[in-house]
Amino acid sequence: MRAMSSSQHIVTHALPHASHARREARTATSSLTVSWARSEAEVREAQALRYQVFAVEMGARLSTPQGAPAGLDIDLFDAYCEHLLVRAAGEDGDVGPVVGTYRVLTPAAAKRAGGLYSDTEFDLTRLRALRARVAEIGRSCVQADYRSGGAIIALWGALAEFMARNGLDTVIGCASVSMRDGGHYAASLWKQLAATHLASIDCQVRPRLPLPIEHLRQDLVVEPPALIRGYLRCGAKLMGEPAWDPDFNTADLPLILRTADLPARFRRTAG
């Protein structure tokens, strides 16, 4: 899940709250470590990975702040978010490179930021009663060599613990799908997943700039991207039709996940 860059403000600090002790855990499937960014330098590592995935790999047009360092994906919300990092194993015990990242916006931080990023893409009116317990995750990405599942499991395990520690029970965000084929894949994916993974009506939202589904093919038999498959395996549901993001050339699927719906292995981590 990720939110697109739109701010013209300079990011100066994005440090975790004092209660966020550094937590590291190795997955059972690969030598990955998970931690919360504790310095601006670590946030920059996440932003560099995001740039490589979104701008270089996906061809997104990033609206970075004037004067920002080259090769980074930066926006206003970074300064209010906690940044979760997954690192590959380094050599000889050294700290390895960041290969996966999420940023997390808590309800208190969202108030300071003036709202959730998802508010700019969707009408979230029906979620009003949930907002005090909702964390928004965004700018999620995993380096191509690590998209088989281990990094996603590591991220979600740490996120579940974070949610439990902060008394939060719901996660929302957007999962982006490439529109390099003109949007036919995205429209077909929405049609396919809506039949099996649509949230209840009280959690459905409306896109502010909808993907023009009625003008696209919806009958293709498609396989969801690895990241979306990971979200769905964790119990996520679609909140409605995708929004169109022209800057990233993607269709953004709004997703919601209640921590009570997480698989048992994540709930054990959270406890």
C-alpha atoms as a PDB file:
ATOM      1  CA  MET A   1       0.000   0.000   0.000  1.00  0.00           C
ATOM      2  CA  ARG A   2       1.309   3.437  -0.789  1.00  0.00           C
ATOM      3  CA  ALA A   3       0.262   7.015  -1.150  1.00  0.00           C
ATOM      4  CA  MET A   4       1.499   9.180  -4.000  1.00  0.00           C
ATOM      5  CA  SER A   5       3.807  12.138  -3.526  1.00  0.00           C
ATOM      6  CA  SER A   6       2.127  15.536  -3.831  1.00  0.00           C
ATOM      7  CA  SER A   7       3.611  17.868  -1.227  1.00  0.00           C
ATOM      8  CA  GLN A   8       5.958  20.783  -1.885  1.00  0.00           C
ATOM      9  CA  HIS A   9       7.159  20.916   1.747  1.00  0.00           C
ATOM     10  CA  ILE A  10      10.663  19.952   2.847  1.00  0.00           C
ATOM     11  CA  VAL A  11      10.953  16.943   5.164  1.00  0.00           C
ATOM     12  CA  THR A  12      13.350  17.690   7.979  1.00  0.00           C
ATOM     13  CA  HIS A  13      12.749  15.006  10.600  1.00  0.00           C
ATOM     14  CA  ALA A  14      10.871  11.716  10.716  1.00  0.00           C
ATOM     15  CA  LEU A  15      11.917  10.168  14.013  1.00  0.00           C
ATOM     16  CA  PRO A  16       9.898   7.563  15.954  1.00  0.00           C
ATOM     17  CA  HIS A  17       8.242   8.357  19.276  1.00  0.00           C
ATOM     18  CA  ALA A  18      10.324   7.713  22.396  1.00  0.00           C
ATOM     19  CA  SER A  19       8.238   4.625  23.192  1.00  0.00           C
ATOM     20  CA  HIS A  20       9.356   2.976  19.960  1.00  0.00           C
ATOM     21  CA  ALA A  21      12.297   0.875  21.043  1.00  0.00           C
ATOM     22  CA  ARG A  22      14.188  -0.710  18.191  1.00  0.00           C
ATOM     23  CA  ARG A  23      12.792  -4.146  17.522  1.00  0.00           C
ATOM     24  CA  GLU A  24      14.464  -6.755  15.354  1.00  0.00           C
ATOM     25  CA  ALA A  25      13.177 -10.195  14.403  1.00  0.00           C
ATOM     26  CA  ARG A  26      14.376 -12.769  11.922  1.00  0.00           C
ATOM     27  CA  THR A  27      11.811 -14.532   9.776  1.00  0.00           C
ATOM     28  CA  ALA A  28      11.694 -18.287   9.588  1.00  0.00           C
ATOM     29  CA  THR A  29      12.094 -18.229   5.801  1.00  0.00           C
ATOM     30  CA  SER A  30      15.008 -15.844   5.263  1.00  0.00           C
ATOM     31  CA  SER A  31      17.659 -13.852   7.089  1.00  0.00           C
ATOM     32  CA  LEU A  32      15.780 -10.557   7.263  1.00  0.00           C
ATOM     33  CA  THR A  33      15.756  -8.091  10.137  1.00  0.00           C
ATOM     34  CA  VAL A  34      12.912  -5.691  10.924  1.00  0.00           C
ATOM     35  CA  SER A  35      13.307  -2.379  12.732  1.00  0.00           C
ATOM     36  CA  TRP A  36      11.781   1.078  13.064  1.00  0.00           C
ATOM     37  CA  ALA A  37      13.816   3.938  11.625  1.00  0.00           C
ATOM     38  CA  ARG A  38      15.540   5.825  14.437  1.00  0.00           C
ATOM     39  CA  SER A  39      17.284   8.563  12.480  1.00  0.00           C
ATOM     40  CA  GLU A  40      16.847  10.746   9.447  1.00  0.00           C
ATOM     41  CA  ALA A  41      19.562   8.703   7.717  1.00  0.00           C
ATOM     42  CA  GLU A  42      17.483   5.544   8.088  1.00  0.00           C
ATOM     43  CA  VAL A  43      14.404   7.318   6.743  1.00  0.00           C
ATOM     44  CA  ARG A  44      16.499   8.371   3.761  1.00  0.00           C
ATOM     45  CA  GLU A  45      17.311   4.696   3.108  1.00  0.00           C
ATOM     46  CA  ALA A  46      13.575   3.956   2.927  1.00  0.00           C
ATOM     47  CA  GLN A  47      13.020   6.927   0.641  1.00  0.00           C
ATOM     48  CA  ALA A  48      15.824   5.754  -1.641  1.00  0.00           C
ATOM     49  CA  LEU A  49      14.240   2.304  -1.965  1.00  0.00           C
ATOM     50  CA  ARG A  50      10.873   3.912  -2.689  1.00  0.00           C
ATOM     51  CA  TYR A  51      12.454   6.012  -5.428  1.00  0.00           C
ATOM     52  CA  GLN A  52      14.011   2.950  -7.046  1.00  0.00           C
ATOM     53  CA  VAL A  53      10.718   1.031  -7.017  1.00  0.00           C
ATOM     54  CA  PHE A  54       8.285   3.844  -7.855  1.00  0.00           C
ATOM     55  CA  ALA A  55      10.313   6.100 -10.161  1.00  0.00           C
ATOM     56  CA  VAL A  56      12.896   3.797 -11.734  1.00  0.00           C
ATOM     57  CA  GLU A  57      10.968   0.521 -11.892  1.00  0.00           C
ATOM     58  CA  MET A  58       7.387   1.788 -12.231  1.00  0.00           C
ATOM     59  CA  GLY A  59       8.094   5.044 -14.066  1.00  0.00           C
ATOM     60  CA  ALA A  60       6.184   7.248 -11.612  1.00  0.00           C
ATOM     61  CA  ARG A  61       6.396  11.043 -11.879  1.00  0.00           C
ATOM     62  CA  LEU A  62       7.356  12.004  -8.334  1.00  0.00           C
ATOM     63  CA  SER A  63       6.575  15.530  -7.132  1.00  0.00           C
ATOM     64  CA  THR A  64       9.485  15.870  -4.734  1.00  0.00           C
ATOM     65  CA  PRO A  65       9.998  19.081  -2.717  1.00  0.00           C
ATOM     66  CA  GLN A  66      12.174  21.776  -4.241  1.00  0.00           C
ATOM     67  CA  GLY A  67      15.761  21.371  -3.083  1.00  0.00           C
ATOM     68  CA  ALA A  68      15.281  17.751  -1.970  1.00  0.00           C
ATOM     69  CA  PRO A  69      18.210  15.374  -2.558  1.00  0.00           C
ATOM     70  CA  ALA A  70      18.111  13.496  -5.852  1.00  0.00           C
ATOM     71  CA  GLY A  71      17.120   9.849  -5.905  1.00  0.00           C
ATOM     72  CA  LEU A  72      14.653  10.032  -3.000  1.00  0.00           C
ATOM     73  CA  ASP A  73      10.862   9.792  -2.801  1.00  0.00           C
ATOM     74  CA  ILE A  74       9.792  12.421  -0.245  1.00  0.00           C
ATOM     75  CA  ASP A  75       6.460  13.977   0.653  1.00  0.00           C
ATOM     76  CA  LEU A  76       4.788  15.900   3.474  1.00  0.00           C
ATOM     77  CA  PHE A  77       3.492  12.827   5.296  1.00  0.00           C
ATOM     78  CA  ASP A  78       6.956  11.329   5.814  1.00  0.00           C
ATOM     79  CA  ALA A  79       7.603  13.785   8.643  1.00  0.00           C
ATOM     80  CA  TYR A  80       4.579  12.506  10.595  1.00  0.00           C
ATOM     81  CA  CYS A  81       5.006   8.787   9.971  1.00  0.00           C
ATOM     82  CA  GLU A  82       6.841   5.926  11.620  1.00  0.00           C
ATOM     83  CA  HIS A  83       9.003   4.125   9.051  1.00  0.00           C
ATOM     84  CA  LEU A  84       9.306   0.346   9.204  1.00  0.00           C
ATOM     85  CA  LEU A  85      12.380  -1.150   7.560  1.00  0.00           C
ATOM     86  CA  VAL A  86      13.221  -4.676   6.452  1.00  0.00           C
ATOM     87  CA  ARG A  87      16.922  -5.303   5.886  1.00  0.00           C
ATOM     88  CA  ALA A  88      18.694  -8.154   4.173  1.00  0.00           C
ATOM     89  CA  ALA A  89      21.532  -9.830   6.026  1.00  0.00           C
ATOM     90  CA  GLY A  90      24.768  -7.877   5.881  1.00  0.00           C
ATOM     91  CA  GLU A  91      28.231  -9.305   5.472  1.00  0.00           C
ATOM     92  CA  ASP A  92      30.232 -10.246   8.567  1.00  0.00           C
ATOM     93  CA  GLY A  93      27.519  -8.995  10.883  1.00  0.00           C
ATOM     94  CA  ASP A  94      27.278  -5.569   9.240  1.00  0.00           C
ATOM     95  CA  VAL A  95      23.928  -3.819   8.816  1.00  0.00           C
ATOM     96  CA  GLY A  96      22.438  -4.911   5.494  1.00  0.00           C
ATOM     97  CA  PRO A  97      20.550  -2.855   2.891  1.00  0.00           C
ATOM     98  CA  VAL A  98      16.889  -1.887   3.226  1.00  0.00           C
ATOM     99  CA  VAL A  99      14.870  -4.209   0.963  1.00  0.00           C
ATOM    100  CA  GLY A 100      11.355  -3.425   2.179  1.00  0.00           C
ATOM    101  CA  THR A 101       9.545  -0.563   3.872  1.00  0.00           C
ATOM    102  CA  TYR A 102       6.208   0.741   5.114  1.00  0.00           C
ATOM    103  CA  ARG A 103       5.379   4.053   6.641  1.00  0.00           C
ATOM    104  CA  VAL A 104       2.682   4.139   9.327  1.00  0.00           C
ATOM    105  CA  LEU A 105       0.490   7.114  10.197  1.00  0.00           C
ATOM    106  CA  THR A 106      -1.253   6.847  13.584  1.00  0.00           C
ATOM    107  CA  PRO A 107      -4.533   8.664  14.418  1.00  0.00           C
ATOM    108  CA  ALA A 108      -2.700  11.237  16.567  1.00  0.00           C
ATOM    109  CA  ALA A 109      -0.130  11.878  13.842  1.00  0.00           C
ATOM    110  CA  ALA A 110      -2.885  12.139  11.225  1.00  0.00           C
ATOM    111  CA  LYS A 111      -4.427  14.988  13.203  1.00  0.00           C
ATOM    112  CA  ARG A 112      -1.106  16.813  13.191  1.00  0.00           C
ATOM    113  CA  ALA A 113      -0.730  16.178   9.455  1.00  0.00           C
ATOM    114  CA  GLY A 114      -4.227  17.467   8.709  1.00  0.00           C
ATOM    115  CA  GLY A 115      -5.693  14.080   7.811  1.00  0.00           C
ATOM    116  CA  LEU A 116      -4.868  10.752   6.231  1.00  0.00           C
ATOM    117  CA  TYR A 117      -3.307  10.570   2.816  1.00  0.00           C
ATOM    118  CA  SER A 118      -6.179   8.304   1.754  1.00  0.00           C
ATOM    119  CA  ASP A 119      -8.510  11.283   2.246  1.00  0.00           C
ATOM    120  CA  THR A 120      -6.986  12.838  -0.887  1.00  0.00           C
ATOM    121  CA  GLU A 121      -7.820   9.783  -3.026  1.00  0.00           C
ATOM    122  CA  PHE A 122     -11.068   8.536  -1.484  1.00  0.00           C
ATOM    123  CA  ASP A 123     -14.194   9.729   0.286  1.00  0.00           C
ATOM    124  CA  LEU A 124     -13.748   8.001   3.655  1.00  0.00           C
ATOM    125  CA  THR A 125     -17.024   9.181   5.207  1.00  0.00           C
ATOM    126  CA  ARG A 126     -18.137   5.682   6.166  1.00  0.00           C
ATOM    127  CA  LEU A 127     -14.957   5.136   8.165  1.00  0.00           C
ATOM    128  CA  ARG A 128     -15.594   8.096  10.469  1.00  0.00           C
ATOM    129  CA  ALA A 129     -16.477   5.919  13.460  1.00  0.00           C
ATOM    130  CA  LEU A 130     -13.264   3.898  13.059  1.00  0.00           C
ATOM    131  CA  ARG A 131     -10.731   6.694  12.652  1.00  0.00           C
ATOM    132  CA  ALA A 132      -9.640   6.869  16.297  1.00  0.00           C
ATOM    133  CA  ARG A 133      -8.388   3.260  15.984  1.00  0.00           C
ATOM    134  CA  VAL A 134      -7.110   3.326  12.383  1.00  0.00           C
ATOM    135  CA  ALA A 135      -3.475   3.318  11.312  1.00  0.00           C
ATOM    136  CA  GLU A 136      -2.774   4.168   7.695  1.00  0.00           C
ATOM    137  CA  ILE A 137       0.092   2.389   5.983  1.00  0.00           C
ATOM    138  CA  GLY A 138       1.552   3.753   2.792  1.00  0.00           C
ATOM    139  CA  ARG A 139       4.529   3.948   0.480  1.00  0.00           C
ATOM    140  CA  SER A 140       4.931   0.198   0.864  1.00  0.00           C
ATOM    141  CA  CYS A 141       7.451  -1.421  -1.407  1.00  0.00           C
ATOM    142  CA  VAL A 142       9.774  -4.405  -1.521  1.00  0.00           C
ATOM    143  CA  GLN A 143      12.913  -4.726  -3.630  1.00  0.00           C
ATOM    144  CA  ALA A 144      12.276  -7.063  -6.584  1.00  0.00           C
ATOM    145  CA  ASP A 145      14.501  -9.897  -5.344  1.00  0.00           C
ATOM    146  CA  TYR A 146      12.584 -10.127  -2.053  1.00  0.00           C
ATOM    147  CA  ARG A 147       8.946 -10.237  -3.201  1.00  0.00           C
ATOM    148  CA  SER A 148       8.432 -13.958  -2.665  1.00  0.00           C
ATOM    149  CA  GLY A 149       6.772 -13.450   0.717  1.00  0.00           C
ATOM    150  CA  GLY A 150       9.413 -13.359   3.451  1.00  0.00           C
ATOM    151  CA  ALA A 151       9.688  -9.573   3.506  1.00  0.00           C
ATOM    152  CA  ILE A 152       5.912  -9.156   3.568  1.00  0.00           C
ATOM    153  CA  ILE A 153       5.605 -11.585   6.474  1.00  0.00           C
ATOM    154  CA  ALA A 154       8.324  -9.701   8.342  1.00  0.00           C
ATOM    155  CA  LEU A 155       6.610  -6.346   7.777  1.00  0.00           C
ATOM    156  CA  TRP A 156       3.194  -7.568   8.850  1.00  0.00           C
ATOM    157  CA  GLY A 157       4.544  -9.293  11.951  1.00  0.00           C
ATOM    158  CA  ALA A 158       6.149  -6.040  13.141  1.00  0.00           C
ATOM    159  CA  LEU A 159       3.055  -4.044  12.190  1.00  0.00           C
ATOM    160  CA  ALA A 160       0.810  -6.360  14.219  1.00  0.00           C
ATOM    161  CA  GLU A 161       2.964  -5.812  17.299  1.00  0.00           C
ATOM    162  CA  PHE A 162       2.898  -2.038  16.704  1.00  0.00           C
ATOM    163  CA  MET A 163      -0.904  -2.053  16.438  1.00  0.00           C
ATOM    164  CA  ALA A 164      -1.330  -4.014  19.658  1.00  0.00           C
ATOM    165  CA  ARG A 165       1.105  -1.780  21.545  1.00  0.00           C
ATOM    166  CA  ASN A 166      -0.711   1.374  20.440  1.00  0.00           C
ATOM    167  CA  GLY A 167      -4.267   0.139  20.989  1.00  0.00           C
ATOM    168  CA  LEU A 168      -5.164   0.202  17.285  1.00  0.00           C
ATOM    169  CA  ASP A 169      -7.303  -2.424  15.579  1.00  0.00           C
ATOM    170  CA  THR A 170      -7.653  -1.402  11.920  1.00  0.00           C
ATOM    171  CA  VAL A 171      -5.233  -0.725   9.057  1.00  0.00           C
ATOM    172  CA  ILE A 172      -6.108   1.034   5.814  1.00  0.00           C
ATOM    173  CA  GLY A 173      -4.127   1.989   2.744  1.00  0.00           C
ATOM    174  CA  CYS A 174      -3.848   1.632  -1.012  1.00  0.00           C
ATOM    175  CA  ALA A 175      -2.337  -1.151  -3.098  1.00  0.00           C
ATOM    176  CA  SER A 176      -1.117   0.092  -6.456  1.00  0.00           C
ATOM    177  CA  VAL A 177      -1.505  -1.779  -9.736  1.00  0.00           C
ATOM    178  CA  SER A 178       0.361  -0.768 -12.891  1.00  0.00           C
ATOM    179  CA  MET A 179      -1.632   0.675 -15.791  1.00  0.00           C
ATOM    180  CA  ARG A 180       1.048   0.195 -18.410  1.00  0.00           C
ATOM    181  CA  ASP A 181      -1.440  -1.858 -20.441  1.00  0.00           C
ATOM    182  CA  GLY A 182      -3.943   1.002 -20.353  1.00  0.00           C
ATOM    183  CA  GLY A 183      -5.746  -0.239 -17.224  1.00  0.00           C
ATOM    184  CA  HIS A 184      -7.278  -3.493 -18.483  1.00  0.00           C
ATOM    185  CA  TYR A 185      -5.318  -5.608 -16.016  1.00  0.00           C
ATOM    186  CA  ALA A 186      -6.312  -3.352 -13.116  1.00  0.00           C
ATOM    187  CA  ALA A 187      -9.991  -3.341 -14.087  1.00  0.00           C
ATOM    188  CA  SER A 188     -10.011  -7.119 -14.448  1.00  0.00           C
ATOM    189  CA  LEU A 189      -8.214  -7.556 -11.127  1.00  0.00           C
ATOM    190  CA  TRP A 190     -10.772  -5.340  -9.371  1.00  0.00           C
ATOM    191  CA  LYS A 191     -13.654  -7.288 -10.907  1.00  0.00           C
ATOM    192  CA  GLN A 192     -12.074 -10.608  -9.925  1.00  0.00           C
ATOM    193  CA  LEU A 193     -11.207  -9.660  -6.332  1.00  0.00           C
ATOM    194  CA  ALA A 194     -14.464  -7.804  -5.667  1.00  0.00           C
ATOM    195  CA  ALA A 195     -16.295 -11.101  -6.024  1.00  0.00           C
ATOM    196  CA  THR A 196     -14.373 -12.666  -3.130  1.00  0.00           C
ATOM    197  CA  HIS A 197     -12.669  -9.942  -1.060  1.00  0.00           C
ATOM    198  CA  LEU A 198     -15.058  -6.979  -0.862  1.00  0.00           C
ATOM    199  CA  ALA A 199     -15.494  -5.341   2.560  1.00  0.00           C
ATOM    200  CA  SER A 200     -18.913  -4.901   4.135  1.00  0.00           C
ATOM    201  CA  ILE A 201     -20.933  -1.861   3.060  1.00  0.00           C
ATOM    202  CA  ASP A 202     -20.136   0.085   6.249  1.00  0.00           C
ATOM    203  CA  CYS A 203     -16.436   0.026   5.278  1.00  0.00           C
ATOM    204  CA  GLN A 204     -16.786   0.881   1.586  1.00  0.00           C
ATOM    205  CA  VAL A 205     -15.363   4.115   0.175  1.00  0.00           C
ATOM    206  CA  ARG A 206     -15.564   6.020  -3.123  1.00  0.00           C
ATOM    207  CA  PRO A 207     -12.627   7.148  -5.265  1.00  0.00           C
ATOM    208  CA  ARG A 208     -12.328  10.872  -5.962  1.00  0.00           C
ATOM    209  CA  LEU A 209     -10.818  10.145  -9.399  1.00  0.00           C
ATOM    210  CA  PRO A 210     -12.221   6.733 -10.344  1.00  0.00           C
ATOM    211  CA  LEU A 211     -10.543   4.339 -12.721  1.00  0.00           C
ATOM    212  CA  PRO A 212     -12.852   4.361 -15.813  1.00  0.00           C
ATOM    213  CA  ILE A 213     -13.708   0.691 -15.404  1.00  0.00           C
ATOM    214  CA  GLU A 214     -16.681   0.806 -17.753  1.00  0.00           C
ATOM    215  CA  HIS A 215     -14.335   1.618 -20.659  1.00  0.00           C
ATOM    216  CA  LEU A 216     -11.826  -1.121 -19.832  1.00  0.00           C
ATOM    217  CA  ARG A 217     -11.775  -4.878 -20.192  1.00  0.00           C
ATOM    218  CA  GLN A 218     -12.920  -6.651 -17.053  1.00  0.00           C
ATOM    219  CA  ASP A 219     -12.857 -10.238 -18.282  1.00  0.00           C
ATOM    220  CA  LEU A 220      -9.133 -11.008 -18.205  1.00  0.00           C
ATOM    221  CA  VAL A 221      -8.094 -13.888 -15.958  1.00  0.00           C
ATOM    222  CA  VAL A 222      -5.301 -12.291 -13.947  1.00  0.00           C
ATOM    223  CA  GLU A 223      -2.977 -13.157 -11.068  1.00  0.00           C
ATOM    224  CA  PRO A 224      -2.727 -10.510  -8.322  1.00  0.00           C
ATOM    225  CA  PRO A 225       0.738  -8.986  -7.768  1.00  0.00           C
ATOM    226  CA  ALA A 226       2.786 -10.616  -5.007  1.00  0.00           C
ATOM    227  CA  LEU A 227       2.270  -7.751  -2.549  1.00  0.00           C
ATOM    228  CA  ILE A 228      -1.515  -7.805  -2.974  1.00  0.00           C
ATOM    229  CA  ARG A 229      -1.551 -11.590  -2.586  1.00  0.00           C
ATOM    230  CA  GLY A 230       0.304 -11.065   0.677  1.00  0.00           C
ATOM    231  CA  TYR A 231      -2.251  -8.502   1.898  1.00  0.00           C
ATOM    232  CA  LEU A 232      -5.160 -10.792   1.042  1.00  0.00           C
ATOM    233  CA  ARG A 233      -3.531 -13.747   2.810  1.00  0.00           C
ATOM    234  CA  CYS A 234      -3.297 -11.521   5.884  1.00  0.00           C
ATOM    235  CA  GLY A 235      -7.073 -10.971   5.779  1.00  0.00           C
ATOM    236  CA  ALA A 236      -7.324  -7.641   3.940  1.00  0.00           C
ATOM    237  CA  LYS A 237     -10.519  -6.638   2.110  1.00  0.00           C
ATOM    238  CA  LEU A 238     -11.171  -4.209  -0.732  1.00  0.00           C
ATOM    239  CA  MET A 239     -13.102  -1.110   0.322  1.00  0.00           C
ATOM    240  CA  GLY A 240     -14.330  -0.285  -3.169  1.00  0.00           C
ATOM    241  CA  GLU A 241     -13.397   0.575  -6.736  1.00  0.00           C
ATOM    242  CA  PRO A 242      -9.844   1.707  -7.495  1.00  0.00           C
ATOM    243  CA  ALA A 243      -8.789   5.318  -7.842  1.00  0.00           C
ATOM    244  CA  TRP A 244      -6.709   6.423 -10.811  1.00  0.00           C
ATOM    245  CA  ASP A 245      -3.323   7.928 -10.002  1.00  0.00           C
ATOM    246  CA  PRO A 246      -2.034   9.637 -13.171  1.00  0.00           C
ATOM    247  CA  ASP A 247       1.339  10.583 -11.622  1.00  0.00           C
ATOM    248  CA  PHE A 248       2.207   6.992 -10.808  1.00  0.00           C
ATOM    249  CA  ASN A 249       0.235   5.570 -13.762  1.00  0.00           C
ATOM    250  CA  THR A 250      -1.432   3.153 -11.374  1.00  0.00           C
ATOM    251  CA  ALA A 251      -4.845   2.085 -10.191  1.00  0.00           C
ATOM    252  CA  ASP A 252      -4.987   2.298  -6.389  1.00  0.00           C
ATOM    253  CA  LEU A 253      -7.095  -0.331  -4.653  1.00  0.00           C
ATOM    254  CA  PRO A 254      -8.317   0.795  -1.189  1.00  0.00           C
ATOM    255  CA  LEU A 255      -7.769  -1.941   1.386  1.00  0.00           C
ATOM    256  CA  ILE A 256      -8.789  -2.423   4.995  1.00  0.00           C
ATOM    257  CA  LEU A 257      -7.585  -4.975   7.519  1.00  0.00           C
ATOM    258  CA  ARG A 258      -8.835  -5.585  11.044  1.00  0.00           C
ATOM    259  CA  THR A 259      -6.143  -7.031  13.285  1.00  0.00           C
ATOM    260  CA  ALA A 260      -8.696  -9.577  14.494  1.00  0.00           C
ATOM    261  CA  ASP A 261      -8.669 -10.990  10.949  1.00  0.00           C
ATOM    262  CA  LEU A 262      -4.894 -11.499  10.872  1.00  0.00           C
ATOM    263  CA  PRO A 263      -3.735 -15.121  10.635  1.00  0.00           C
ATOM    264  CA  ALA A 264      -2.880 -16.730  13.958  1.00  0.00           C
ATOM    265  CA  ARG A 265       0.886 -16.451  13.490  1.00  0.00           C
ATOM    266  CA  PHE A 266       0.601 -12.634  13.350  1.00  0.00           C
ATOM    267  CA  ARG A 267      -1.817 -12.415  16.277  1.00  0.00           C
ATOM    268  CA  ARG A 268       0.661 -14.398  18.378  1.00  0.00           C
ATOM    269  CA  THR A 269       3.331 -11.873  17.434  1.00  0.00           C
ATOM    270  CA  ALA A 270       1.031  -9.026  18.416  1.00  0.00           C
ATOM    271  CA  GLY A 271       0.308 -10.582  21.769  1.00  0.00           C
END
